[in-house]
Amino acid sequence: MDIVKVFPAEIWARRRPYRPVKKTKPEVSIGQRLRDYRRAAGLTQKNLAMKLQLKVGSLRAIELDREVPAETVLDAINNILAKPYDADPD
């Protein structure tokens, strides 16, 4: 079978050139970051919720990106989970 009969030149001319799909790095949400930092600090949702004076369900909703935390909550999370660093690494 001749390829010209199966795929005439008109079809080849109309084909779009192959362009690979660019794989972009998925963005990490606030909830995912919070979960990662909480786990790195060795805290459970219950422990962190108690320190933040939030309900566990509210913290869970923030981690699942169902709720957007207020700035005051973000500040409190930052104060609790922030790691102290040495200004002079020597």
PDB file of N, CA and C in Angstrom:
ATOM      1  N   MET A   1       0.848  -1.173   0.000  1.00  0.00           N
ATOM      2  CA  MET A   1       0.000   0.000   0.000  1.00  0.00           C
ATOM      3  C   MET A   1       0.895   1.238   0.000  1.00  0.00           C
ATOM      4  N   ASP A   2       0.549   2.154  -0.812  1.00  0.00           N
ATOM      5  CA  ASP A   2       1.355   3.359  -0.975  1.00  0.00           C
ATOM      6  C   ASP A   2       0.927   4.403   0.054  1.00  0.00           C
ATOM      7  N   ILE A   3       1.880   4.988   0.758  1.00  0.00           N
ATOM      8  CA  ILE A   3       1.578   5.973   1.797  1.00  0.00           C
ATOM      9  C   ILE A   3       0.933   7.234   1.216  1.00  0.00           C
ATOM     10  N   VAL A   4       1.204   7.544  -0.033  1.00  0.00           N
ATOM     11  CA  VAL A   4       0.616   8.732  -0.663  1.00  0.00           C
ATOM     12  C   VAL A   4      -0.896   8.562  -0.798  1.00  0.00           C
ATOM     13  N   LYS A   5      -1.355   7.334  -1.035  1.00  0.00           N
ATOM     14  CA  LYS A   5      -2.789   7.093  -1.158  1.00  0.00           C
ATOM     15  C   LYS A   5      -3.474   7.194   0.204  1.00  0.00           C
ATOM     16  N   VAL A   6      -2.803   6.748   1.233  1.00  0.00           N
ATOM     17  CA  VAL A   6      -3.384   6.771   2.562  1.00  0.00           C
ATOM     18  C   VAL A   6      -3.354   8.189   3.151  1.00  0.00           C
ATOM     19  N   PHE A   7      -2.241   8.858   2.996  1.00  0.00           N
ATOM     20  CA  PHE A   7      -2.086  10.206   3.504  1.00  0.00           C
ATOM     21  C   PHE A   7      -1.702  11.144   2.367  1.00  0.00           C
ATOM     22  N   PRO A   8      -2.675  11.684   1.653  1.00  0.00           N
ATOM     23  CA  PRO A   8      -2.345  12.589   0.552  1.00  0.00           C
ATOM     24  C   PRO A   8      -1.597  13.822   1.041  1.00  0.00           C
ATOM     25  N   ALA A   9      -0.926  14.471   0.129  1.00  0.00           N
ATOM     26  CA  ALA A   9      -0.108  15.643   0.456  1.00  0.00           C
ATOM     27  C   ALA A   9      -0.929  16.765   1.084  1.00  0.00           C
ATOM     28  N   GLU A  10      -2.207  16.893   0.711  1.00  0.00           N
ATOM     29  CA  GLU A  10      -3.036  17.968   1.293  1.00  0.00           C
ATOM     30  C   GLU A  10      -3.207  17.783   2.800  1.00  0.00           C
ATOM     31  N   ILE A  11      -3.343  16.542   3.216  1.00  0.00           N
ATOM     32  CA  ILE A  11      -3.502  16.286   4.653  1.00  0.00           C
ATOM     33  C   ILE A  11      -2.200  16.597   5.380  1.00  0.00           C
ATOM     34  N   TRP A  12      -1.075  16.202   4.817  1.00  0.00           N
ATOM     35  CA  TRP A  12       0.213  16.482   5.442  1.00  0.00           C
ATOM     36  C   TRP A  12       0.456  17.985   5.528  1.00  0.00           C
ATOM     37  N   ALA A  13       0.020  18.725   4.541  1.00  0.00           N
ATOM     38  CA  ALA A  13       0.233  20.172   4.529  1.00  0.00           C
ATOM     39  C   ALA A  13      -0.617  20.863   5.582  1.00  0.00           C
ATOM     40  N   ARG A  14      -1.781  20.298   5.896  1.00  0.00           N
ATOM     41  CA  ARG A  14      -2.677  20.930   6.874  1.00  0.00           C
ATOM     42  C   ARG A  14      -2.359  20.557   8.314  1.00  0.00           C
ATOM     43  N   ARG A  15      -1.514  19.589   8.507  1.00  0.00           N
ATOM     44  CA  ARG A  15      -1.174  19.163   9.869  1.00  0.00           C
ATOM     45  C   ARG A  15      -0.484  20.271  10.632  1.00  0.00           C
ATOM     46  N   ARG A  16      -0.804  20.368  11.882  1.00  0.00           N
ATOM     47  CA  ARG A  16      -0.112  21.316  12.752  1.00  0.00           C
ATOM     48  C   ARG A  16       1.212  20.705  13.189  1.00  0.00           C
ATOM     49  N   PRO A  17       2.230  21.518  13.294  1.00  0.00           N
ATOM     50  CA  PRO A  17       3.510  20.957  13.759  1.00  0.00           C
ATOM     51  C   PRO A  17       3.395  20.509  15.221  1.00  0.00           C
ATOM     52  N   TYR A  18       4.160  19.504  15.543  1.00  0.00           N
ATOM     53  CA  TYR A  18       4.158  18.974  16.909  1.00  0.00           C
ATOM     54  C   TYR A  18       4.807  19.967  17.843  1.00  0.00           C
ATOM     55  N   ARG A  19       4.080  20.300  18.881  1.00  0.00           N
ATOM     56  CA  ARG A  19       4.620  21.164  19.925  1.00  0.00           C
ATOM     57  C   ARG A  19       4.426  20.452  21.251  1.00  0.00           C
ATOM     58  N   PRO A  20       5.501  20.106  21.905  1.00  0.00           N
ATOM     59  CA  PRO A  20       5.338  19.409  23.181  1.00  0.00           C
ATOM     60  C   PRO A  20       4.676  20.317  24.210  1.00  0.00           C
ATOM     61  N   VAL A  21       3.899  19.716  25.064  1.00  0.00           N
ATOM     62  CA  VAL A  21       3.225  20.452  26.123  1.00  0.00           C
ATOM     63  C   VAL A  21       4.255  20.827  27.174  1.00  0.00           C
ATOM     64  N   LYS A  22       4.263  22.100  27.534  1.00  0.00           N
ATOM     65  CA  LYS A  22       5.195  22.545  28.563  1.00  0.00           C
ATOM     66  C   LYS A  22       4.669  22.114  29.917  1.00  0.00           C
ATOM     67  N   LYS A  23       5.504  21.414  30.630  1.00  0.00           N
ATOM     68  CA  LYS A  23       5.124  20.995  31.965  1.00  0.00           C
ATOM     69  C   LYS A  23       5.528  22.084  32.937  1.00  0.00           C
ATOM     70  N   THR A  24       4.548  22.640  33.589  1.00  0.00           N
ATOM     71  CA  THR A  24       4.825  23.687  34.554  1.00  0.00           C
ATOM     72  C   THR A  24       4.836  23.089  35.949  1.00  0.00           C
ATOM     73  N   LYS A  25       5.610  23.690  36.787  1.00  0.00           N
ATOM     74  CA  LYS A  25       5.685  23.242  38.162  1.00  0.00           C
ATOM     75  C   LYS A  25       4.396  23.629  38.873  1.00  0.00           C
ATOM     76  N   PRO A  26       3.714  22.672  39.484  1.00  0.00           N
ATOM     77  CA  PRO A  26       2.470  23.022  40.158  1.00  0.00           C
ATOM     78  C   PRO A  26       2.740  23.930  41.352  1.00  0.00           C
ATOM     79  N   GLU A  27       1.862  24.892  41.518  1.00  0.00           N
ATOM     80  CA  GLU A  27       2.027  25.811  42.630  1.00  0.00           C
ATOM     81  C   GLU A  27       1.572  25.137  43.919  1.00  0.00           C
ATOM     82  N   VAL A  28       2.271  25.416  44.967  1.00  0.00           N
ATOM     83  CA  VAL A  28       1.928  24.851  46.261  1.00  0.00           C
ATOM     84  C   VAL A  28       0.998  25.842  46.954  1.00  0.00           C
ATOM     85  N   SER A  29      -0.123  25.351  47.413  1.00  0.00           N
ATOM     86  CA  SER A  29      -1.116  26.217  48.037  1.00  0.00           C
ATOM     87  C   SER A  29      -0.719  26.549  49.478  1.00  0.00           C
ATOM     88  N   ILE A  30      -1.412  27.514  50.039  1.00  0.00           N
ATOM     89  CA  ILE A  30      -1.172  27.905  51.430  1.00  0.00           C
ATOM     90  C   ILE A  30      -1.453  26.726  52.355  1.00  0.00           C
ATOM     91  N   GLY A  31      -2.545  26.022  52.065  1.00  0.00           N
ATOM     92  CA  GLY A  31      -2.899  24.877  52.901  1.00  0.00           C
ATOM     93  C   GLY A  31      -1.842  23.789  52.874  1.00  0.00           C
ATOM     94  N   GLN A  32      -1.302  23.504  51.703  1.00  0.00           N
ATOM     95  CA  GLN A  32      -0.255  22.479  51.590  1.00  0.00           C
ATOM     96  C   GLN A  32       1.002  22.904  52.333  1.00  0.00           C
ATOM     97  N   ARG A  33       1.356  24.180  52.205  1.00  0.00           N
ATOM     98  CA  ARG A  33       2.536  24.677  52.930  1.00  0.00           C
ATOM     99  C   ARG A  33       2.324  24.591  54.434  1.00  0.00           C
ATOM    100  N   LEU A  34       1.130  24.980  54.875  1.00  0.00           N
ATOM    101  CA  LEU A  34       0.825  24.915  56.300  1.00  0.00           C
ATOM    102  C   LEU A  34       0.946  23.488  56.805  1.00  0.00           C
ATOM    103  N   ARG A  35       0.387  22.547  56.056  1.00  0.00           N
ATOM    104  CA  ARG A  35       0.456  21.139  56.452  1.00  0.00           C
ATOM    105  C   ARG A  35       1.909  20.664  56.519  1.00  0.00           C
ATOM    106  N   ASP A  36       2.709  21.033  55.523  1.00  0.00           N
ATOM    107  CA  ASP A  36       4.109  20.616  55.508  1.00  0.00           C
ATOM    108  C   ASP A  36       4.877  21.197  56.689  1.00  0.00           C
ATOM    109  N   TYR A  37       4.691  22.489  56.962  1.00  0.00           N
ATOM    110  CA  TYR A  37       5.396  23.126  58.082  1.00  0.00           C
ATOM    111  C   TYR A  37       4.919  22.578  59.425  1.00  0.00           C
ATOM    112  N   ARG A  38       3.610  22.312  59.532  1.00  0.00           N
ATOM    113  CA  ARG A  38       3.076  21.757  60.785  1.00  0.00           C
ATOM    114  C   ARG A  38       3.676  20.381  61.045  1.00  0.00           C
ATOM    115  N   ARG A  39       3.721  19.568  60.007  1.00  0.00           N
ATOM    116  CA  ARG A  39       4.288  18.220  60.173  1.00  0.00           C
ATOM    117  C   ARG A  39       5.779  18.285  60.487  1.00  0.00           C
ATOM    118  N   ALA A  40       6.486  19.216  59.833  1.00  0.00           N
ATOM    119  CA  ALA A  40       7.921  19.363  60.101  1.00  0.00           C
ATOM    120  C   ALA A  40       8.168  19.789  61.543  1.00  0.00           C
ATOM    121  N   ALA A  41       7.231  20.559  62.093  1.00  0.00           N
ATOM    122  CA  ALA A  41       7.370  20.991  63.489  1.00  0.00           C
ATOM    123  C   ALA A  41       6.941  19.897  64.462  1.00  0.00           C
ATOM    124  N   GLY A  42       6.383  18.807  63.944  1.00  0.00           N
ATOM    125  CA  GLY A  42       5.969  17.703  64.798  1.00  0.00           C
ATOM    126  C   GLY A  42       4.667  17.967  65.527  1.00  0.00           C
ATOM    127  N   LEU A  43       3.826  18.817  64.980  1.00  0.00           N
ATOM    128  CA  LEU A  43       2.552  19.146  65.615  1.00  0.00           C
ATOM    129  C   LEU A  43       1.406  18.438  64.909  1.00  0.00           C
ATOM    130  N   THR A  44       0.402  18.078  65.679  1.00  0.00           N
ATOM    131  CA  THR A  44      -0.822  17.546  65.093  1.00  0.00           C
ATOM    132  C   THR A  44      -1.756  18.712  64.807  1.00  0.00           C
ATOM    133  N   GLN A  45      -2.806  18.446  64.068  1.00  0.00           N
ATOM    134  CA  GLN A  45      -3.789  19.497  63.812  1.00  0.00           C
ATOM    135  C   GLN A  45      -4.409  19.973  65.123  1.00  0.00           C
ATOM    136  N   LYS A  46      -4.646  19.047  66.014  1.00  0.00           N
ATOM    137  CA  LYS A  46      -5.253  19.403  67.295  1.00  0.00           C
ATOM    138  C   LYS A  46      -4.325  20.301  68.111  1.00  0.00           C
ATOM    139  N   ASN A  47      -3.037  19.956  68.158  1.00  0.00           N
ATOM    140  CA  ASN A  47      -2.087  20.764  68.925  1.00  0.00           C
ATOM    141  C   ASN A  47      -1.959  22.173  68.362  1.00  0.00           C
ATOM    142  N   LEU A  48      -1.833  22.272  67.036  1.00  0.00           N
ATOM    143  CA  LEU A  48      -1.702  23.581  66.418  1.00  0.00           C
ATOM    144  C   LEU A  48      -2.980  24.395  66.569  1.00  0.00           C
ATOM    145  N   ALA A  49      -4.130  23.744  66.440  1.00  0.00           N
ATOM    146  CA  ALA A  49      -5.402  24.446  66.614  1.00  0.00           C
ATOM    147  C   ALA A  49      -5.524  25.010  68.024  1.00  0.00           C
ATOM    148  N   MET A  50      -5.073  24.248  69.021  1.00  0.00           N
ATOM    149  CA  MET A  50      -5.126  24.739  70.404  1.00  0.00           C
ATOM    150  C   MET A  50      -4.221  25.953  70.574  1.00  0.00           C
ATOM    151  N   LYS A  51      -3.023  25.908  69.987  1.00  0.00           N
ATOM    152  CA  LYS A  51      -2.099  27.039  70.094  1.00  0.00           C
ATOM    153  C   LYS A  51      -2.631  28.274  69.374  1.00  0.00           C
ATOM    154  N   LEU A  52      -3.360  28.067  68.275  1.00  0.00           N
ATOM    155  CA  LEU A  52      -3.915  29.180  67.504  1.00  0.00           C
ATOM    156  C   LEU A  52      -5.265  29.633  68.028  1.00  0.00           C
ATOM    157  N   GLN A  53      -5.819  28.878  68.959  1.00  0.00           N
ATOM    158  CA  GLN A  53      -7.153  29.118  69.499  1.00  0.00           C
ATOM    159  C   GLN A  53      -8.201  29.061  68.388  1.00  0.00           C
ATOM    160  N   LEU A  54      -8.070  28.026  67.564  1.00  0.00           N
ATOM    161  CA  LEU A  54      -9.018  27.752  66.489  1.00  0.00           C
ATOM    162  C   LEU A  54      -9.639  26.378  66.719  1.00  0.00           C
ATOM    163  N   LYS A  55     -10.755  26.148  66.042  1.00  0.00           N
ATOM    164  CA  LYS A  55     -11.326  24.810  66.051  1.00  0.00           C
ATOM    165  C   LYS A  55     -10.515  23.944  65.098  1.00  0.00           C
ATOM    166  N   VAL A  56     -10.432  22.666  65.405  1.00  0.00           N
ATOM    167  CA  VAL A  56      -9.684  21.736  64.560  1.00  0.00           C
ATOM    168  C   VAL A  56     -10.278  21.715  63.153  1.00  0.00           C
ATOM    169  N   GLY A  57     -11.595  21.812  63.058  1.00  0.00           N
ATOM    170  CA  GLY A  57     -12.258  21.820  61.754  1.00  0.00           C
ATOM    171  C   GLY A  57     -11.860  23.020  60.916  1.00  0.00           C
ATOM    172  N   SER A  58     -11.657  24.160  61.566  1.00  0.00           N
ATOM    173  CA  SER A  58     -11.225  25.356  60.826  1.00  0.00           C
ATOM    174  C   SER A  58      -9.815  25.183  60.297  1.00  0.00           C
ATOM    175  N   LEU A  59      -8.939  24.645  61.125  1.00  0.00           N
ATOM    176  CA  LEU A  59      -7.560  24.401  60.688  1.00  0.00           C
ATOM    177  C   LEU A  59      -7.527  23.371  59.555  1.00  0.00           C
ATOM    178  N   ARG A  60      -8.337  22.342  59.681  1.00  0.00           N
ATOM    179  CA  ARG A  60      -8.411  21.320  58.642  1.00  0.00           C
ATOM    180  C   ARG A  60      -8.906  21.941  57.327  1.00  0.00           C
ATOM    181  N   ALA A  61      -9.905  22.820  57.419  1.00  0.00           N
ATOM    182  CA  ALA A  61     -10.437  23.478  56.218  1.00  0.00           C
ATOM    183  C   ALA A  61      -9.384  24.370  55.569  1.00  0.00           C
ATOM    184  N   ILE A  62      -8.553  25.023  56.376  1.00  0.00           N
ATOM    185  CA  ILE A  62      -7.473  25.850  55.828  1.00  0.00           C
ATOM    186  C   ILE A  62      -6.455  24.967  55.122  1.00  0.00           C
ATOM    187  N   GLU A  63      -6.102  23.844  55.743  1.00  0.00           N
ATOM    188  CA  GLU A  63      -5.119  22.940  55.136  1.00  0.00           C
ATOM    189  C   GLU A  63      -5.639  22.315  53.842  1.00  0.00           C
ATOM    190  N   LEU A  64      -6.942  22.137  53.735  1.00  0.00           N
ATOM    191  CA  LEU A  64      -7.533  21.560  52.524  1.00  0.00           C
ATOM    192  C   LEU A  64      -7.932  22.638  51.524  1.00  0.00           C
ATOM    193  N   ASP A  65      -7.584  23.886  51.806  1.00  0.00           N
ATOM    194  CA  ASP A  65      -7.880  25.037  50.944  1.00  0.00           C
ATOM    195  C   ASP A  65      -9.371  25.253  50.740  1.00  0.00           C
ATOM    196  N   ARG A  66     -10.137  24.922  51.745  1.00  0.00           N
ATOM    197  CA  ARG A  66     -11.574  25.204  51.707  1.00  0.00           C
ATOM    198  C   ARG A  66     -11.870  26.571  52.311  1.00  0.00           C
ATOM    199  N   GLU A  67     -10.981  27.039  53.157  1.00  0.00           N
ATOM    200  CA  GLU A  67     -11.111  28.357  53.780  1.00  0.00           C
ATOM    201  C   GLU A  67      -9.817  29.125  53.574  1.00  0.00           C
ATOM    202  N   VAL A  68      -9.952  30.436  53.479  1.00  0.00           N
ATOM    203  CA  VAL A  68      -8.780  31.300  53.383  1.00  0.00           C
ATOM    204  C   VAL A  68      -8.559  31.911  54.759  1.00  0.00           C
ATOM    205  N   PRO A  69      -7.385  31.726  55.333  1.00  0.00           N
ATOM    206  CA  PRO A  69      -7.151  32.243  56.686  1.00  0.00           C
ATOM    207  C   PRO A  69      -7.031  33.767  56.688  1.00  0.00           C
ATOM    208  N   ALA A  70      -7.474  34.367  57.780  1.00  0.00           N
ATOM    209  CA  ALA A  70      -7.342  35.815  57.951  1.00  0.00           C
ATOM    210  C   ALA A  70      -5.870  36.153  58.202  1.00  0.00           C
ATOM    211  N   GLU A  71      -5.526  37.415  58.027  1.00  0.00           N
ATOM    212  CA  GLU A  71      -4.133  37.834  58.240  1.00  0.00           C
ATOM    213  C   GLU A  71      -3.689  37.586  59.668  1.00  0.00           C
ATOM    214  N   THR A  72      -4.585  37.789  60.617  1.00  0.00           N
ATOM    215  CA  THR A  72      -4.216  37.561  62.020  1.00  0.00           C
ATOM    216  C   THR A  72      -3.885  36.097  62.263  1.00  0.00           C
ATOM    217  N   VAL A  73      -4.639  35.207  61.602  1.00  0.00           N
ATOM    218  CA  VAL A  73      -4.366  33.773  61.742  1.00  0.00           C
ATOM    219  C   VAL A  73      -3.037  33.434  61.089  1.00  0.00           C
ATOM    220  N   LEU A  74      -2.773  34.011  59.917  1.00  0.00           N
ATOM    221  CA  LEU A  74      -1.489  33.771  59.252  1.00  0.00           C
ATOM    222  C   LEU A  74      -0.321  34.268  60.099  1.00  0.00           C
ATOM    223  N   ASP A  75      -0.493  35.421  60.734  1.00  0.00           N
ATOM    224  CA  ASP A  75       0.562  35.939  61.615  1.00  0.00           C
ATOM    225  C   ASP A  75       0.798  35.010  62.802  1.00  0.00           C
ATOM    226  N   ALA A  76      -0.295  34.510  63.379  1.00  0.00           N
ATOM    227  CA  ALA A  76      -0.167  33.599  64.518  1.00  0.00           C
ATOM    228  C   ALA A  76       0.506  32.290  64.084  1.00  0.00           C
ATOM    229  N   ILE A  77       0.142  31.786  62.916  1.00  0.00           N
ATOM    230  CA  ILE A  77       0.775  30.566  62.392  1.00  0.00           C
ATOM    231  C   ILE A  77       2.267  30.801  62.192  1.00  0.00           C
ATOM    232  N   ASN A  78       2.597  31.955  61.626  1.00  0.00           N
ATOM    233  CA  ASN A  78       4.004  32.286  61.397  1.00  0.00           C
ATOM    234  C   ASN A  78       4.774  32.355  62.710  1.00  0.00           C
ATOM    235  N   ASN A  79       4.173  32.956  63.737  1.00  0.00           N
ATOM    236  CA  ASN A  79       4.852  33.058  65.032  1.00  0.00           C
ATOM    237  C   ASN A  79       5.073  31.688  65.673  1.00  0.00           C
ATOM    238  N   ILE A  80       4.119  30.784  65.483  1.00  0.00           N
ATOM    239  CA  ILE A  80       4.229  29.457  66.104  1.00  0.00           C
ATOM    240  C   ILE A  80       5.178  28.553  65.326  1.00  0.00           C
ATOM    241  N   LEU A  81       5.074  28.568  64.008  1.00  0.00           N
ATOM    242  CA  LEU A  81       5.849  27.627  63.198  1.00  0.00           C
ATOM    243  C   LEU A  81       7.174  28.185  62.702  1.00  0.00           C
ATOM    244  N   ALA A  82       7.414  29.474  62.911  1.00  0.00           N
ATOM    245  CA  ALA A  82       8.666  30.066  62.430  1.00  0.00           C
ATOM    246  C   ALA A  82       9.836  29.437  63.164  1.00  0.00           C
ATOM    247  N   LYS A  83      10.849  29.114  62.381  1.00  0.00           N
ATOM    248  CA  LYS A  83      12.037  28.523  62.976  1.00  0.00           C
ATOM    249  C   LYS A  83      13.018  29.647  63.293  1.00  0.00           C
ATOM    250  N   PRO A  84      13.526  29.697  64.495  1.00  0.00           N
ATOM    251  CA  PRO A  84      14.533  30.720  64.780  1.00  0.00           C
ATOM    252  C   PRO A  84      15.797  30.425  63.990  1.00  0.00           C
ATOM    253  N   TYR A  85      16.428  31.472  63.513  1.00  0.00           N
ATOM    254  CA  TYR A  85      17.638  31.275  62.743  1.00  0.00           C
ATOM    255  C   TYR A  85      18.758  32.083  63.364  1.00  0.00           C
ATOM    256  N   ASP A  86      19.953  31.623  63.126  1.00  0.00           N
ATOM    257  CA  ASP A  86      21.131  32.280  63.641  1.00  0.00           C
ATOM    258  C   ASP A  86      21.570  33.334  62.642  1.00  0.00           C
ATOM    259  N   ALA A  87      21.615  34.591  63.056  1.00  0.00           N
ATOM    260  CA  ALA A  87      21.997  35.675  62.144  1.00  0.00           C
ATOM    261  C   ALA A  87      23.447  35.520  61.713  1.00  0.00           C
ATOM    262  N   ASP A  88      24.278  34.974  62.591  1.00  0.00           N
ATOM    263  CA  ASP A  88      25.702  34.781  62.274  1.00  0.00           C
ATOM    264  C   ASP A  88      25.951  33.280  62.148  1.00  0.00           C
ATOM    265  N   PRO A  89      26.050  32.750  60.912  1.00  0.00           N
ATOM    266  CA  PRO A  89      26.186  31.309  60.739  1.00  0.00           C
ATOM    267  C   PRO A  89      27.524  30.747  61.188  1.00  0.00           C
ATOM    268  N   ASP A  90      28.497  31.566  61.531  1.00  0.00           N
ATOM    269  CA  ASP A  90      29.814  31.070  61.953  1.00  0.00           C
ATOM    270  C   ASP A  90      29.763  30.433  63.282  1.00  0.00           C
TER     271      ASP A  90
END
